[in-house]
Amino acid sequence: MSATTPATHAGAPGMLDVSGTPRVPLSRLVTVELRKSLDTRAGRWFTGSILALCLAIVVIYALIAPEGAIDLGDFLLVSGSVLGYFLPILIILMVTSEWSQRTGLVTFTLEPHRPRVVAAKFLAGLLLGVGLIVVAALIGVLGVLIAGGGWDVETGLIVNGFVIANIIGILLGFAIAMLLMNTPAAIVAYFIYTLVLPIAVGILGAFQEWFADLAPWIEFNTAQASLFEGDYVPTGEELGQLITSGLIWLVLPLVLGTLRLLRAEPK
């Protein structure tokens, strides 16, 4: 008796030919990632809590701020600072959900090209972050209306201290999440970066002059300090410090995290 070899051509019974199926559009993947970040109770509450906290702090500032510090620039700085502190955490939750909630197997089965999933998450996080930045700006405007303040604002403050600083926060949260791919670890690493590291660098720089000169080149918080100085135009050295420290704290973790994700085994 001879064994029968099953037919392998595309039209054979029981065979499904998917070679002509079009790839899922990137725009659809971005839409899915945006929906995933907000369609859970935790995602909605955390996003709403960030905006509620921005509103509460702005209202309090409008009621207690001295008369000379109630223009639009001051309110944008207050609202943007609150948003910038929590926005990276929201991005971390968006990126690490595939691994902490064990949905990666489903995601990478429906879209096996992992770089496209990474790109979709990045674009979704950027869109969500920009949307929240716009809402935070509107909250700052509301603060001016409540306080009856002026509408004076330095262009550099809007561009550097409000927009660019928050976009850097989005990139930072994405880079940390990609590198660690674990929600608790990524959040702890973020708080170490924002709270512990600047204090340690400041203390060491106060005692060692050579380290104070080196810190802006290797520590991203120190390099960003001048962004909040109103109409700031970086010198060549300051721009070099931002680029160098940004490569260390943003680009390097993102590259290593992407390489790790491409090789990781979803469970």
Protein backbone atom coordinates (compact mmCIF):
# COMPACT_ATOMS: atom_id res chain seq x y z
CA MET A 1 0.00 0.00 0.00
CA SER A 2 1.46 3.34 -0.96
CA ALA A 3 1.11 6.50 1.10
CA THR A 4 -0.66 9.38 -0.51
CA THR A 5 1.07 12.74 -0.53
CA PRO A 6 -1.30 15.63 0.15
CA ALA A 7 -1.48 18.25 -2.55
CA THR A 8 0.29 21.45 -1.69
CA HIS A 9 -0.90 23.69 -4.46
CA ALA A 10 -2.98 26.72 -3.57
CA GLY A 11 -6.22 25.35 -5.01
CA ALA A 12 -6.10 22.01 -3.19
CA PRO A 13 -9.02 21.13 -0.91
CA GLY A 14 -8.38 22.17 2.69
CA MET A 15 -5.71 24.70 1.73
CA LEU A 16 -6.23 28.42 2.33
CA ASP A 17 -4.40 30.75 -0.01
CA VAL A 18 -3.66 34.05 1.74
CA SER A 19 -0.89 35.17 -0.58
CA GLY A 20 -3.16 37.73 -2.19
CA THR A 21 -4.54 39.13 1.07
CA PRO A 22 -3.56 42.80 1.46
CA ARG A 23 -1.53 43.82 4.49
CA VAL A 24 -3.37 45.50 7.36
CA PRO A 25 -3.00 49.28 6.85
CA LEU A 26 -0.75 51.04 9.35
CA SER A 27 -3.52 53.56 10.00
CA ARG A 28 -5.76 50.74 11.22
CA LEU A 29 -3.04 49.46 13.53
CA VAL A 30 -2.62 52.95 14.96
CA THR A 31 -6.38 53.22 15.49
CA VAL A 32 -6.42 49.86 17.27
CA GLU A 33 -3.55 50.89 19.56
CA LEU A 34 -5.30 54.14 20.42
CA ARG A 35 -8.52 52.28 21.22
CA LYS A 36 -6.63 49.73 23.32
CA SER A 37 -5.11 52.52 25.42
CA LEU A 38 -8.48 54.06 26.25
CA ASP A 39 -11.07 51.28 26.11
CA THR A 40 -10.09 49.79 29.47
CA ARG A 41 -11.25 51.16 32.79
CA ALA A 42 -7.66 51.69 33.95
CA GLY A 43 -6.71 53.56 30.76
CA ARG A 44 -9.73 55.85 30.86
CA TRP A 45 -9.41 56.59 34.56
CA PHE A 46 -5.70 57.25 34.42
CA THR A 47 -6.04 59.59 31.42
CA GLY A 48 -8.95 61.38 33.04
CA SER A 49 -7.08 61.63 36.33
CA ILE A 50 -4.11 63.32 34.64
CA LEU A 51 -6.36 65.96 33.09
CA ALA A 52 -8.32 66.39 36.34
CA LEU A 53 -5.07 66.91 38.25
CA CYS A 54 -3.91 69.48 35.68
CA LEU A 55 -7.22 71.31 36.09
CA ALA A 56 -7.09 71.19 39.89
CA ILE A 57 -3.52 72.50 40.07
CA VAL A 58 -4.25 75.28 37.57
CA VAL A 59 -7.37 76.37 39.49
CA ILE A 60 -5.45 76.39 42.78
CA TYR A 61 -2.66 78.39 41.16
CA ALA A 62 -5.22 80.85 39.75
CA LEU A 63 -6.61 81.44 43.24
CA ILE A 64 -3.36 81.81 45.19
CA ALA A 65 -0.81 83.09 42.66
CA PRO A 66 0.52 86.63 43.16
CA GLU A 67 -0.80 89.26 40.79
CA GLY A 68 2.43 89.49 38.82
CA ALA A 69 2.50 85.77 38.01
CA ILE A 70 -0.86 85.09 36.43
CA ASP A 71 -0.26 85.48 32.72
CA LEU A 72 -0.74 82.74 30.12
CA GLY A 73 2.91 81.72 30.17
CA ASP A 74 2.76 80.93 33.88
CA PHE A 75 -0.39 78.83 33.51
CA LEU A 76 1.01 76.92 30.55
CA LEU A 77 4.12 76.14 32.56
CA VAL A 78 2.02 74.88 35.50
CA SER A 79 -0.32 72.78 33.37
CA GLY A 80 2.49 71.47 31.18
CA SER A 81 4.63 70.49 34.17
CA VAL A 82 1.83 68.40 35.70
CA LEU A 83 1.09 66.75 32.37
CA GLY A 84 4.76 66.13 31.62
CA TYR A 85 5.25 64.29 34.89
CA PHE A 86 2.51 61.69 34.26
CA LEU A 87 2.39 61.53 30.45
CA PRO A 88 5.38 59.13 30.18
CA ILE A 89 3.60 56.71 32.54
CA LEU A 90 0.59 56.65 30.21
CA ILE A 91 2.88 55.84 27.29
CA ILE A 92 4.56 53.11 29.35
CA LEU A 93 1.19 51.48 30.03
CA MET A 94 0.33 51.61 26.33
CA VAL A 95 3.57 49.92 25.24
CA THR A 96 3.95 47.29 27.98
CA SER A 97 0.34 46.10 27.87
CA GLU A 98 1.22 43.38 25.35
CA TRP A 99 3.56 41.76 27.86
CA SER A 100 2.08 42.56 31.27
CA GLN A 101 -1.45 41.53 30.19
CA ARG A 102 -0.25 38.61 28.03
CA THR A 103 -1.94 39.85 24.85
CA GLY A 104 1.24 39.80 22.77
CA LEU A 105 0.47 36.40 21.29
CA VAL A 106 -2.82 37.66 19.88
CA THR A 107 -1.31 40.92 18.63
CA PHE A 108 1.66 39.33 16.88
CA THR A 109 -0.52 36.59 15.40
CA LEU A 110 -2.88 39.10 13.82
CA GLU A 111 0.07 41.26 12.73
CA PRO A 112 3.22 39.10 12.51
CA HIS A 113 5.40 41.97 11.29
CA ARG A 114 6.53 43.24 14.68
CA PRO A 115 8.23 46.45 13.45
CA ARG A 116 4.82 47.61 12.20
CA VAL A 117 3.34 47.00 15.65
CA VAL A 118 6.16 49.06 17.20
CA ALA A 119 5.57 51.84 14.69
CA ALA A 120 1.82 51.77 15.37
CA LYS A 121 2.35 51.99 19.12
CA PHE A 122 4.77 54.88 18.67
CA LEU A 123 2.41 56.83 16.41
CA ALA A 124 -0.55 56.09 18.67
CA GLY A 125 1.38 57.28 21.72
CA LEU A 126 2.46 60.42 19.88
CA LEU A 127 -1.11 61.19 18.79
CA LEU A 128 -2.48 60.58 22.28
CA GLY A 129 0.28 62.70 23.82
CA VAL A 130 -0.26 65.58 21.40
CA GLY A 131 -3.98 65.46 22.10
CA LEU A 132 -3.35 65.71 25.83
CA ILE A 133 -0.89 68.56 25.27
CA VAL A 134 -3.63 70.49 23.44
CA VAL A 135 -6.09 69.83 26.28
CA ALA A 136 -3.48 70.93 28.84
CA ALA A 137 -3.01 74.16 26.88
CA LEU A 138 -6.77 74.76 26.97
CA ILE A 139 -6.71 74.18 30.74
CA GLY A 140 -3.98 76.83 30.98
CA VAL A 141 -6.20 79.24 29.03
CA LEU A 142 -9.05 78.45 31.43
CA GLY A 143 -6.74 79.33 34.32
CA VAL A 144 -6.10 82.76 32.81
CA LEU A 145 -9.84 83.33 32.50
CA ILE A 146 -10.42 82.32 36.12
CA ALA A 147 -7.62 84.50 37.45
CA GLY A 148 -8.30 87.41 35.12
CA GLY A 149 -4.63 87.41 34.16
CA GLY A 150 -2.81 88.63 31.10
CA TRP A 151 -2.23 86.83 27.81
CA ASP A 152 1.50 87.48 27.65
CA VAL A 153 3.58 84.42 26.83
CA GLU A 154 7.07 83.96 25.48
CA THR A 155 7.25 81.99 22.25
CA GLY A 156 10.25 80.04 23.53
CA LEU A 157 8.28 78.98 26.61
CA ILE A 158 5.50 77.49 24.46
CA VAL A 159 7.85 75.75 22.05
CA ASN A 160 10.54 74.57 24.48
CA GLY A 161 9.06 74.37 27.95
CA PHE A 162 5.59 73.20 26.95
CA VAL A 163 5.59 71.37 23.61
CA ILE A 164 9.12 70.02 23.21
CA ALA A 165 9.49 69.09 26.89
CA ASN A 166 6.29 67.02 26.79
CA ILE A 167 7.21 65.37 23.49
CA ILE A 168 10.54 64.41 25.04
CA GLY A 169 8.53 62.87 27.89
CA ILE A 170 6.56 60.81 25.36
CA LEU A 171 9.78 59.58 23.75
CA LEU A 172 11.30 58.80 27.15
CA GLY A 173 8.32 56.74 28.28
CA PHE A 174 8.30 54.86 24.99
CA ALA A 175 12.04 54.15 25.16
CA ILE A 176 11.94 52.87 28.76
CA ALA A 177 8.89 50.71 28.05
CA MET A 178 10.47 49.21 24.94
CA LEU A 179 13.67 48.39 26.81
CA LEU A 180 12.08 46.71 29.84
CA MET A 181 8.73 45.47 28.42
CA ASN A 182 7.37 45.18 31.96
CA THR A 183 4.94 47.68 33.46
CA PRO A 184 6.14 47.76 37.12
CA ALA A 185 9.83 47.73 36.15
CA ALA A 186 9.35 50.49 33.57
CA ILE A 187 7.42 52.74 35.98
CA VAL A 188 10.04 52.24 38.72
CA ALA A 189 12.82 53.00 36.22
CA TYR A 190 10.98 56.16 35.15
CA PHE A 191 10.68 57.43 38.73
CA ILE A 192 14.36 56.67 39.35
CA TYR A 193 15.19 58.69 36.25
CA THR A 194 12.99 61.65 37.20
CA LEU A 195 13.47 61.73 41.00
CA VAL A 196 16.57 59.88 42.12
CA LEU A 197 18.99 60.50 39.27
CA PRO A 198 18.77 64.34 39.20
CA ILE A 199 19.34 64.50 42.98
CA ALA A 200 22.33 62.17 42.76
CA VAL A 201 23.80 64.12 39.84
CA GLY A 202 23.26 67.43 41.65
CA ILE A 203 24.96 66.22 44.83
CA LEU A 204 27.92 64.75 42.96
CA GLY A 205 28.25 67.85 40.80
CA ALA A 206 28.29 70.07 43.89
CA PHE A 207 31.35 68.26 45.23
CA GLN A 208 33.14 67.45 41.99
CA GLU A 209 33.56 70.30 39.53
CA TRP A 210 34.65 67.98 36.73
CA PHE A 211 31.40 66.02 37.06
CA ALA A 212 29.33 69.21 36.99
CA ASP A 213 30.85 69.96 33.59
CA LEU A 214 30.31 66.38 32.42
CA ALA A 215 26.73 65.96 33.69
CA PRO A 216 24.91 67.76 30.82
CA TRP A 217 26.63 65.46 28.33
CA ILE A 218 25.51 62.23 29.97
CA GLU A 219 22.41 63.11 32.04
CA PHE A 220 19.33 64.09 30.06
CA ASN A 221 17.53 65.95 32.86
CA THR A 222 20.48 68.30 33.30
CA ALA A 223 20.73 68.91 29.57
CA GLN A 224 17.02 69.83 29.40
CA ALA A 225 17.12 72.37 32.25
CA SER A 226 17.63 75.35 29.93
CA LEU A 227 14.46 74.50 27.97
CA PHE A 228 12.39 76.11 30.73
CA GLU A 229 14.17 79.48 30.62
CA GLY A 230 11.69 81.37 28.48
CA ASP A 231 12.93 82.45 25.04
CA TYR A 232 15.75 79.96 25.04
CA VAL A 233 17.98 79.64 22.00
CA PRO A 234 20.52 76.82 22.50
CA THR A 235 24.16 77.46 21.86
CA GLY A 236 26.19 74.97 19.88
CA GLU A 237 27.50 73.38 23.08
CA GLU A 238 24.04 73.12 24.65
CA LEU A 239 22.62 71.59 21.47
CA GLY A 240 25.45 69.07 21.49
CA GLN A 241 24.66 68.21 25.12
CA LEU A 242 20.98 67.64 24.30
CA ILE A 243 21.84 65.43 21.33
CA THR A 244 24.50 63.42 23.15
CA SER A 245 22.48 62.77 26.31
CA GLY A 246 19.40 62.15 24.17
CA LEU A 247 21.23 59.43 22.28
CA ILE A 248 22.10 57.79 25.61
CA TRP A 249 18.67 58.02 27.23
CA LEU A 250 16.31 57.88 24.25
CA VAL A 251 17.86 56.37 21.13
CA LEU A 252 19.97 53.64 22.76
CA PRO A 253 17.14 52.20 24.93
CA LEU A 254 14.76 52.37 21.96
CA VAL A 255 17.16 50.48 19.66
CA LEU A 256 17.95 47.84 22.29
CA GLY A 257 14.28 47.48 23.20
CA THR A 258 13.26 47.07 19.55
CA LEU A 259 15.90 44.39 19.02
CA ARG A 260 14.70 42.61 22.14
CA LEU A 261 11.06 42.78 21.06
CA LEU A 262 11.84 41.39 17.63
CA ARG A 263 13.42 38.32 19.23
CA ALA A 264 11.22 37.89 22.31
CA GLU A 265 8.80 34.96 22.54
CA PRO A 266 5.22 36.03 23.35
CA LYS A 267 3.50 33.89 25.98
